[in-house]
Amino acid sequence: MKLLHKSFALIGILFLSAQSSILATPTVSVPPFKSNVDDIPWWSKRTAVQLSDVLSTELTNSGLQVVERGNLDAVLSEQELADLGIVSKTARNNNTAIRGKMRGAQFIILGNVSSYNEGTQQSATSSSFGMLGGSSSKGGYESNASVEVDLRVVNSTTGEVVAARTVSGTAKSTSKSKS
């Protein structure tokens, strides 16, 4: 799963880095990912949010302006504390939150898992002991998984898709059976 997160983040950064030269420094939001695939054993609402969080973090670290939408309640709560006078407006550096000053997202980055395949196969290897005339056979299992994610950058004013890319990733895991 960590490999999957890193793959999405890296590809998202590369994808948007190419776009950011065209768009100057855009402000983006990244809502939770969606899935059109029915049989993904690891998919959940939590996974959708995690993928969004990973992409948001990596985009922020690459220099894009990302606005928080997933934890909007926390942002609004801080603004409410200032409105109620619970937080001092004369606090050091006057850093109290101000209602109505949130930045809007110029672009929304939508992620959708469009394909997922997983398979396990048993493999066998054999070896011989040369002059001793012996041989042995060892087996193991190999699991392969592949995933495709569609990423779209949507203009939040017009609804126009300004960029799109399908990202593919694969993973392989092997294990030896005990004999």
Foldseek 3Di string as FASTA:
>chain_A
DVVVLVQLQVVLQVQVVVVCVVVPAFEEEEAFAAEPDDDDPPDDSVVSVSSRVSNQVSNVVSPHHYFDDPPVVVLVVQQVCVVVCVDPCPPVVSPGDHPPPGDDGQKYKYKYWYDKDKDKDKAKDKDADPPVGGIDMWMKMKMKMKTKMKIFIAGPVPRDTPDIDIGMDMDMDMDTDDD
